[in-house]
PDB file of N, CA and C in Angstrom:
ATOM      1  N   UNK A   1      -3.110 -32.177   0.243  1.00  0.00           N
ATOM      2  CA  UNK A   1      -3.060 -30.799  -0.207  1.00  0.00           C
ATOM      3  C   UNK A   1      -2.803 -29.896   1.003  1.00  0.00           C
ATOM      4  N   UNK A   2      -1.836 -28.989   0.887  1.00  0.00           N
ATOM      5  CA  UNK A   2      -1.544 -28.047   1.964  1.00  0.00           C
ATOM      6  C   UNK A   2      -1.916 -26.654   1.528  1.00  0.00           C
ATOM      7  N   UNK A   3      -2.311 -25.853   2.472  1.00  0.00           N
ATOM      8  CA  UNK A   3      -2.675 -24.468   2.197  1.00  0.00           C
ATOM      9  C   UNK A   3      -1.651 -23.561   2.860  1.00  0.00           C
ATOM     10  N   UNK A   4      -1.138 -22.603   2.117  1.00  0.00           N
ATOM     11  CA  UNK A   4      -0.179 -21.646   2.648  1.00  0.00           C
ATOM     12  C   UNK A   4      -0.928 -20.404   3.131  1.00  0.00           C
ATOM     13  N   UNK A   5      -0.645 -19.977   4.331  1.00  0.00           N
ATOM     14  CA  UNK A   5      -1.267 -18.776   4.880  1.00  0.00           C
ATOM     15  C   UNK A   5      -0.209 -17.700   5.028  1.00  0.00           C
ATOM     16  N   UNK A   6      -0.518 -16.522   4.515  1.00  0.00           N
ATOM     17  CA  UNK A   6       0.401 -15.398   4.668  1.00  0.00           C
ATOM     18  C   UNK A   6       0.417 -14.976   6.139  1.00  0.00           C
ATOM     19  N   UNK A   7       1.513 -14.401   6.546  1.00  0.00           N
ATOM     20  CA  UNK A   7       1.640 -13.928   7.922  1.00  0.00           C
ATOM     21  C   UNK A   7       0.679 -12.777   8.174  1.00  0.00           C
ATOM     22  N   UNK A   8      -0.066 -12.850   9.260  1.00  0.00           N
ATOM     23  CA  UNK A   8      -0.955 -11.757   9.644  1.00  0.00           C
ATOM     24  C   UNK A   8      -0.150 -10.707  10.384  1.00  0.00           C
ATOM     25  N   UNK A   9      -0.328  -9.463   9.997  1.00  0.00           N
ATOM     26  CA  UNK A   9       0.293  -8.348  10.710  1.00  0.00           C
ATOM     27  C   UNK A   9      -0.825  -7.443  11.199  1.00  0.00           C
ATOM     28  N   UNK A  10      -0.522  -6.615  12.183  1.00  0.00           N
ATOM     29  CA  UNK A  10      -1.524  -5.773  12.809  1.00  0.00           C
ATOM     30  C   UNK A  10      -1.404  -4.333  12.335  1.00  0.00           C
ATOM     31  N   UNK A  11      -2.542  -3.734  11.968  1.00  0.00           N
ATOM     32  CA  UNK A  11      -2.585  -2.331  11.550  1.00  0.00           C
ATOM     33  C   UNK A  11      -2.299  -1.439  12.755  1.00  0.00           C
ATOM     34  N   UNK A  12      -1.383  -0.486  12.597  1.00  0.00           N
ATOM     35  CA  UNK A  12      -1.013   0.421  13.682  1.00  0.00           C
ATOM     36  C   UNK A  12      -2.139   1.376  14.061  1.00  0.00           C
ATOM     37  N   UNK A  13      -3.091   1.613  13.163  1.00  0.00           N
ATOM     38  CA  UNK A  13      -4.180   2.538  13.449  1.00  0.00           C
ATOM     39  C   UNK A  13      -5.365   1.853  14.099  1.00  0.00           C
ATOM     40  N   UNK A  14      -5.878   0.803  13.477  1.00  0.00           N
ATOM     41  CA  UNK A  14      -7.139   0.196  13.950  1.00  0.00           C
ATOM     42  C   UNK A  14      -6.963  -1.128  14.678  1.00  0.00           C
ATOM     43  N   UNK A  15      -5.769  -1.723  14.607  1.00  0.00           N
ATOM     44  CA  UNK A  15      -5.523  -2.974  15.303  1.00  0.00           C
ATOM     45  C   UNK A  15      -5.992  -4.216  14.569  1.00  0.00           C
ATOM     46  N   UNK A  16      -6.496  -4.055  13.340  1.00  0.00           N
ATOM     47  CA  UNK A  16      -6.953  -5.185  12.552  1.00  0.00           C
ATOM     48  C   UNK A  16      -5.771  -6.078  12.174  1.00  0.00           C
ATOM     49  N   UNK A  17      -5.945  -7.373  12.324  1.00  0.00           N
ATOM     50  CA  UNK A  17      -4.936  -8.329  11.855  1.00  0.00           C
ATOM     51  C   UNK A  17      -5.306  -8.708  10.431  1.00  0.00           C
ATOM     52  N   UNK A  18      -4.332  -8.597   9.510  1.00  0.00           N
ATOM     53  CA  UNK A  18      -4.639  -8.716   8.091  1.00  0.00           C
ATOM     54  C   UNK A  18      -3.441  -9.292   7.368  1.00  0.00           C
ATOM     55  N   UNK A  19      -3.699 -10.073   6.325  1.00  0.00           N
ATOM     56  CA  UNK A  19      -2.595 -10.682   5.578  1.00  0.00           C
ATOM     57  C   UNK A  19      -2.106  -9.820   4.416  1.00  0.00           C
ATOM     58  N   UNK A  20      -2.723  -8.681   4.188  1.00  0.00           N
ATOM     59  CA  UNK A  20      -2.327  -7.807   3.074  1.00  0.00           C
ATOM     60  C   UNK A  20      -1.928  -6.417   3.568  1.00  0.00           C
ATOM     61  N   UNK A  21      -1.291  -6.361   4.732  1.00  0.00           N
ATOM     62  CA  UNK A  21      -0.839  -5.064   5.237  1.00  0.00           C
ATOM     63  C   UNK A  21       0.308  -4.533   4.376  1.00  0.00           C
ATOM     64  N   UNK A  22       0.590  -3.262   4.526  1.00  0.00           N
ATOM     65  CA  UNK A  22       1.718  -2.622   3.847  1.00  0.00           C
ATOM     66  C   UNK A  22       2.395  -1.687   4.828  1.00  0.00           C
ATOM     67  N   UNK A  23       3.631  -1.350   4.520  1.00  0.00           N
ATOM     68  CA  UNK A  23       4.424  -0.490   5.398  1.00  0.00           C
ATOM     69  C   UNK A  23       4.686   0.838   4.709  1.00  0.00           C
ATOM     70  N   UNK A  24       4.547   1.917   5.479  1.00  0.00           N
ATOM     71  CA  UNK A  24       4.824   3.265   4.981  1.00  0.00           C
ATOM     72  C   UNK A  24       6.003   3.817   5.771  1.00  0.00           C
ATOM     73  N   UNK A  25       6.986   4.350   5.042  1.00  0.00           N
ATOM     74  CA  UNK A  25       8.138   5.026   5.640  1.00  0.00           C
ATOM     75  C   UNK A  25       8.029   6.494   5.264  1.00  0.00           C
ATOM     76  N   UNK A  26       8.040   7.381   6.268  1.00  0.00           N
ATOM     77  CA  UNK A  26       7.997   8.822   6.012  1.00  0.00           C
ATOM     78  C   UNK A  26       8.920   9.490   7.012  1.00  0.00           C
ATOM     79  N   UNK A  27      10.053   9.949   6.514  1.00  0.00           N
ATOM     80  CA  UNK A  27      11.065  10.490   7.417  1.00  0.00           C
ATOM     81  C   UNK A  27      11.486   9.416   8.396  1.00  0.00           C
ATOM     82  N   UNK A  28      11.396   9.712   9.671  1.00  0.00           N
ATOM     83  CA  UNK A  28      11.747   8.753  10.715  1.00  0.00           C
ATOM     84  C   UNK A  28      10.566   7.850  11.096  1.00  0.00           C
ATOM     85  N   UNK A  29       9.371   8.163  10.615  1.00  0.00           N
ATOM     86  CA  UNK A  29       8.188   7.374  10.957  1.00  0.00           C
ATOM     87  C   UNK A  29       8.069   6.142  10.076  1.00  0.00           C
ATOM     88  N   UNK A  30       7.676   5.035  10.672  1.00  0.00           N
ATOM     89  CA  UNK A  30       7.392   3.805   9.944  1.00  0.00           C
ATOM     90  C   UNK A  30       6.098   3.249  10.516  1.00  0.00           C
ATOM     91  N   UNK A  31       5.171   2.864   9.642  1.00  0.00           N
ATOM     92  CA  UNK A  31       3.915   2.307  10.121  1.00  0.00           C
ATOM     93  C   UNK A  31       3.461   1.145   9.260  1.00  0.00           C
ATOM     94  N   UNK A  32       2.700   0.242   9.860  1.00  0.00           N
ATOM     95  CA  UNK A  32       2.097  -0.888   9.165  1.00  0.00           C
ATOM     96  C   UNK A  32       0.591  -0.673   9.144  1.00  0.00           C
ATOM     97  N   UNK A  33      -0.023  -0.826   7.969  1.00  0.00           N
ATOM     98  CA  UNK A  33      -1.442  -0.495   7.816  1.00  0.00           C
ATOM     99  C   UNK A  33      -2.172  -1.525   6.976  1.00  0.00           C
ATOM    100  N   UNK A  34      -3.490  -1.583   7.193  1.00  0.00           N
ATOM    101  CA  UNK A  34      -4.326  -2.485   6.405  1.00  0.00           C
ATOM    102  C   UNK A  34      -5.100  -1.743   5.324  1.00  0.00           C
ATOM    103  N   UNK A  35      -5.039  -0.402   5.317  1.00  0.00           N
ATOM    104  CA  UNK A  35      -5.731   0.393   4.300  1.00  0.00           C
ATOM    105  C   UNK A  35      -5.058   1.760   4.181  1.00  0.00           C
ATOM    106  N   UNK A  36      -5.292   2.416   3.046  1.00  0.00           N
ATOM    107  CA  UNK A  36      -4.760   3.769   2.864  1.00  0.00           C
ATOM    108  C   UNK A  36      -5.443   4.733   3.823  1.00  0.00           C
ATOM    109  N   UNK A  37      -6.699   4.479   4.141  1.00  0.00           N
ATOM    110  CA  UNK A  37      -7.416   5.323   5.095  1.00  0.00           C
ATOM    111  C   UNK A  37      -6.706   5.323   6.449  1.00  0.00           C
ATOM    112  N   UNK A  38      -6.343   4.135   6.934  1.00  0.00           N
ATOM    113  CA  UNK A  38      -5.640   4.049   8.212  1.00  0.00           C
ATOM    114  C   UNK A  38      -4.269   4.717   8.142  1.00  0.00           C
ATOM    115  N   UNK A  39      -3.571   4.552   7.027  1.00  0.00           N
ATOM    116  CA  UNK A  39      -2.258   5.183   6.869  1.00  0.00           C
ATOM    117  C   UNK A  39      -2.390   6.703   6.907  1.00  0.00           C
ATOM    118  N   UNK A  40      -3.367   7.243   6.190  1.00  0.00           N
ATOM    119  CA  UNK A  40      -3.568   8.696   6.159  1.00  0.00           C
ATOM    120  C   UNK A  40      -3.954   9.212   7.538  1.00  0.00           C
ATOM    121  N   UNK A  41      -4.806   8.490   8.236  1.00  0.00           N
ATOM    122  CA  UNK A  41      -5.258   8.920   9.552  1.00  0.00           C
ATOM    123  C   UNK A  41      -4.092   9.069  10.527  1.00  0.00           C
ATOM    124  N   UNK A  42      -3.134   8.168  10.451  1.00  0.00           N
ATOM    125  CA  UNK A  42      -2.029   8.194  11.395  1.00  0.00           C
ATOM    126  C   UNK A  42      -0.833   9.017  10.921  1.00  0.00           C
ATOM    127  N   UNK A  43      -0.558   9.042   9.605  1.00  0.00           N
ATOM    128  CA  UNK A  43       0.706   9.614   9.143  1.00  0.00           C
ATOM    129  C   UNK A  43       0.606  10.927   8.375  1.00  0.00           C
ATOM    130  N   UNK A  44      -0.546  11.213   7.774  1.00  0.00           N
ATOM    131  CA  UNK A  44      -0.655  12.450   6.999  1.00  0.00           C
ATOM    132  C   UNK A  44      -0.582  13.653   7.938  1.00  0.00           C
ATOM    133  N   UNK A  45       0.082  14.723   7.513  1.00  0.00           N
ATOM    134  CA  UNK A  45       0.154  15.906   8.378  1.00  0.00           C
ATOM    135  C   UNK A  45      -1.225  16.532   8.548  1.00  0.00           C
ATOM    136  N   UNK A  46      -1.437  17.177   9.680  1.00  0.00           N
ATOM    137  CA  UNK A  46      -2.708  17.845   9.962  1.00  0.00           C
ATOM    138  C   UNK A  46      -2.583  19.339   9.694  1.00  0.00           C
ATOM    139  N   UNK A  47      -3.652  19.920   9.169  1.00  0.00           N
ATOM    140  CA  UNK A  47      -3.702  21.362   8.912  1.00  0.00           C
ATOM    141  C   UNK A  47      -3.537  22.110  10.234  1.00  0.00           C
ATOM    142  N   UNK A  48      -2.673  23.117  10.229  1.00  0.00           N
ATOM    143  CA  UNK A  48      -2.383  23.921  11.418  1.00  0.00           C
ATOM    144  C   UNK A  48      -3.621  24.666  11.912  1.00  0.00           C
ATOM    145  N   UNK A  49      -4.587  24.940  11.021  1.00  0.00           N
ATOM    146  CA  UNK A  49      -5.792  25.686  11.421  1.00  0.00           C
ATOM    147  C   UNK A  49      -6.971  24.774  11.742  1.00  0.00           C
ATOM    148  N   UNK A  50      -7.390  23.939  10.788  1.00  0.00           N
ATOM    149  CA  UNK A  50      -8.623  23.163  10.970  1.00  0.00           C
ATOM    150  C   UNK A  50      -8.396  21.734  11.432  1.00  0.00           C
ATOM    151  N   UNK A  51      -7.154  21.254  11.323  1.00  0.00           N
ATOM    152  CA  UNK A  51      -6.839  19.919  11.812  1.00  0.00           C
ATOM    153  C   UNK A  51      -7.108  18.781  10.849  1.00  0.00           C
ATOM    154  N   UNK A  52      -7.676  19.079   9.655  1.00  0.00           N
ATOM    155  CA  UNK A  52      -7.936  17.981   8.723  1.00  0.00           C
ATOM    156  C   UNK A  52      -6.615  17.405   8.216  1.00  0.00           C
ATOM    157  N   UNK A  53      -6.644  16.140   7.838  1.00  0.00           N
ATOM    158  CA  UNK A  53      -5.447  15.488   7.316  1.00  0.00           C
ATOM    159  C   UNK A  53      -5.189  15.957   5.893  1.00  0.00           C
ATOM    160  N   UNK A  54      -3.953  16.284   5.596  1.00  0.00           N
ATOM    161  CA  UNK A  54      -3.576  16.813   4.286  1.00  0.00           C
ATOM    162  C   UNK A  54      -3.090  15.661   3.424  1.00  0.00           C
ATOM    163  N   UNK A  55      -3.880  15.325   2.414  1.00  0.00           N
ATOM    164  CA  UNK A  55      -3.559  14.208   1.531  1.00  0.00           C
ATOM    165  C   UNK A  55      -2.895  14.673   0.249  1.00  0.00           C
ATOM    166  N   UNK A  56      -2.950  15.957  -0.035  1.00  0.00           N
ATOM    167  CA  UNK A  56      -2.295  16.519  -1.211  1.00  0.00           C
ATOM    168  C   UNK A  56      -1.057  17.287  -0.783  1.00  0.00           C
ATOM    169  N   UNK A  57      -0.724  18.296  -1.551  1.00  0.00           N
ATOM    170  CA  UNK A  57       0.484  19.070  -1.266  1.00  0.00           C
ATOM    171  C   UNK A  57       0.316  20.020  -0.095  1.00  0.00           C
ATOM    172  N   UNK A  58      -0.861  20.592   0.078  1.00  0.00           N
ATOM    173  CA  UNK A  58      -1.042  21.597   1.110  1.00  0.00           C
ATOM    174  C   UNK A  58      -0.231  22.837   0.789  1.00  0.00           C
ATOM    175  N   UNK A  59      -0.224  23.790   1.693  1.00  0.00           N
ATOM    176  CA  UNK A  59       0.589  25.003   1.567  1.00  0.00           C
ATOM    177  C   UNK A  59       1.332  25.192   2.885  1.00  0.00           C
ATOM    178  N   UNK A  60       2.546  25.723   2.794  1.00  0.00           N
ATOM    179  CA  UNK A  60       3.378  25.847   3.989  1.00  0.00           C
ATOM    180  C   UNK A  60       3.947  27.244   4.131  1.00  0.00           C
ATOM    181  N   UNK A  61       4.125  27.659   5.377  1.00  0.00           N
ATOM    182  CA  UNK A  61       4.804  28.897   5.692  1.00  0.00           C
ATOM    183  C   UNK A  61       5.336  28.834   7.116  1.00  0.00           C
ATOM    184  N   UNK A  62       6.536  29.289   7.315  1.00  0.00           N
ATOM    185  CA  UNK A  62       7.153  29.361   8.650  1.00  0.00           C
ATOM    186  C   UNK A  62       6.979  28.079   9.460  1.00  0.00           C
ATOM    187  N   UNK A  63       7.153  26.941   8.816  1.00  0.00           N
ATOM    188  CA  UNK A  63       7.083  25.671   9.513  1.00  0.00           C
ATOM    189  C   UNK A  63       5.682  25.140   9.765  1.00  0.00           C
ATOM    190  N   UNK A  64       4.649  25.879   9.395  1.00  0.00           N
ATOM    191  CA  UNK A  64       3.263  25.422   9.562  1.00  0.00           C
ATOM    192  C   UNK A  64       2.736  24.962   8.205  1.00  0.00           C
ATOM    193  N   UNK A  65       1.953  23.888   8.211  1.00  0.00           N
ATOM    194  CA  UNK A  65       1.357  23.397   6.978  1.00  0.00           C
ATOM    195  C   UNK A  65      -0.163  23.535   7.100  1.00  0.00           C
ATOM    196  N   UNK A  66      -0.779  23.938   5.994  1.00  0.00           N
ATOM    197  CA  UNK A  66      -2.226  24.148   5.940  1.00  0.00           C
ATOM    198  C   UNK A  66      -2.798  23.352   4.779  1.00  0.00           C
ATOM    199  N   UNK A  67      -4.070  22.983   4.881  1.00  0.00           N
ATOM    200  CA  UNK A  67      -4.706  22.250   3.789  1.00  0.00           C
ATOM    201  C   UNK A  67      -4.994  23.164   2.609  1.00  0.00           C
ATOM    202  N   UNK A  68      -5.150  24.484   2.869  1.00  0.00           N
ATOM    203  CA  UNK A  68      -5.464  25.436   1.806  1.00  0.00           C
ATOM    204  C   UNK A  68      -5.087  26.844   2.255  1.00  0.00           C
ATOM    205  N   UNK A  69      -5.078  27.764   1.313  1.00  0.00           N
ATOM    206  CA  UNK A  69      -4.735  29.154   1.612  1.00  0.00           C
ATOM    207  C   UNK A  69      -5.772  29.804   2.519  1.00  0.00           C
ATOM    208  N   UNK A  70      -7.023  29.391   2.421  1.00  0.00           N
ATOM    209  CA  UNK A  70      -8.069  29.943   3.284  1.00  0.00           C
ATOM    210  C   UNK A  70      -7.746  29.681   4.759  1.00  0.00           C
ATOM    211  N   UNK A  71      -7.341  28.468   5.086  1.00  0.00           N
ATOM    212  CA  UNK A  71      -6.976  28.158   6.474  1.00  0.00           C
ATOM    213  C   UNK A  71      -5.762  28.984   6.899  1.00  0.00           C
ATOM    214  N   UNK A  72      -4.822  29.191   6.004  1.00  0.00           N
ATOM    215  CA  UNK A  72      -3.650  30.012   6.329  1.00  0.00           C
ATOM    216  C   UNK A  72      -4.079  31.451   6.636  1.00  0.00           C
ATOM    217  N   UNK A  73      -5.036  31.970   5.877  1.00  0.00           N
ATOM    218  CA  UNK A  73      -5.528  33.338   6.120  1.00  0.00           C
ATOM    219  C   UNK A  73      -6.183  33.457   7.496  1.00  0.00           C
ATOM    220  N   UNK A  74      -6.827  32.398   7.965  1.00  0.00           N
ATOM    221  CA  UNK A  74      -7.483  32.438   9.275  1.00  0.00           C
ATOM    222  C   UNK A  74      -6.500  32.649  10.416  1.00  0.00           C
ATOM    223  N   UNK A  75      -5.247  32.329  10.198  1.00  0.00           N
ATOM    224  CA  UNK A  75      -4.242  32.543  11.244  1.00  0.00           C
ATOM    225  C   UNK A  75      -3.288  33.681  10.896  1.00  0.00           C
ATOM    226  N   UNK A  76      -3.686  34.519   9.925  1.00  0.00           N
ATOM    227  CA  UNK A  76      -2.931  35.730   9.625  1.00  0.00           C
ATOM    228  C   UNK A  76      -1.947  35.655   8.482  1.00  0.00           C
ATOM    229  N   UNK A  77      -1.855  34.539   7.785  1.00  0.00           N
ATOM    230  CA  UNK A  77      -0.949  34.409   6.636  1.00  0.00           C
ATOM    231  C   UNK A  77      -1.722  34.800   5.381  1.00  0.00           C
ATOM    232  N   UNK A  78      -1.319  35.914   4.751  1.00  0.00           N
ATOM    233  CA  UNK A  78      -2.085  36.423   3.609  1.00  0.00           C
ATOM    234  C   UNK A  78      -1.359  36.320   2.275  1.00  0.00           C
ATOM    235  N   UNK A  79      -0.140  35.782   2.257  1.00  0.00           N
ATOM    236  CA  UNK A  79       0.612  35.684   1.010  1.00  0.00           C
ATOM    237  C   UNK A  79       0.386  34.359   0.267  1.00  0.00           C
ATOM    238  N   UNK A  80      -0.055  33.324   0.963  1.00  0.00           N
ATOM    239  CA  UNK A  80      -0.262  32.030   0.319  1.00  0.00           C
ATOM    240  C   UNK A  80      -1.552  32.033  -0.505  1.00  0.00           C
ATOM    241  N   UNK A  81      -1.474  31.393  -1.655  1.00  0.00           N
ATOM    242  CA  UNK A  81      -2.652  31.269  -2.521  1.00  0.00           C
ATOM    243  C   UNK A  81      -2.774  29.820  -2.986  1.00  0.00           C
ATOM    244  N   UNK A  82      -4.007  29.412  -3.276  1.00  0.00           N
ATOM    245  CA  UNK A  82      -4.229  28.070  -3.797  1.00  0.00           C
ATOM    246  C   UNK A  82      -3.944  28.017  -5.293  1.00  0.00           C
ATOM    247  N   UNK A  83      -4.176  29.140  -5.980  1.00  0.00           N
ATOM    248  CA  UNK A  83      -3.934  29.231  -7.422  1.00  0.00           C
ATOM    249  C   UNK A  83      -3.264  30.550  -7.750  1.00  0.00           C
ATOM    250  N   UNK A  84      -2.431  30.533  -8.774  1.00  0.00           N
ATOM    251  CA  UNK A  84      -1.752  31.766  -9.192  1.00  0.00           C
ATOM    252  C   UNK A  84      -2.673  32.571 -10.080  1.00  0.00           C
TER     253      UNK A  84
END
């Protein structure tokens, strides 16, 4: 009886070697990860004000992305809203 082993690949964020990694392509960026947490940590955009990783749509103005309208207001942007 022989056992087949999947190829181990290394997570770009934490360095874990894992047989169930996945690859994310975003624009010109490509990364290999062992979890969605690691993928988000490395590839999700960061809020221009507070620095948290934006996992949803966020809000954008003049090339800056924010996690919410409140963070945008902290840097002087008053037209963005979270809800209409």
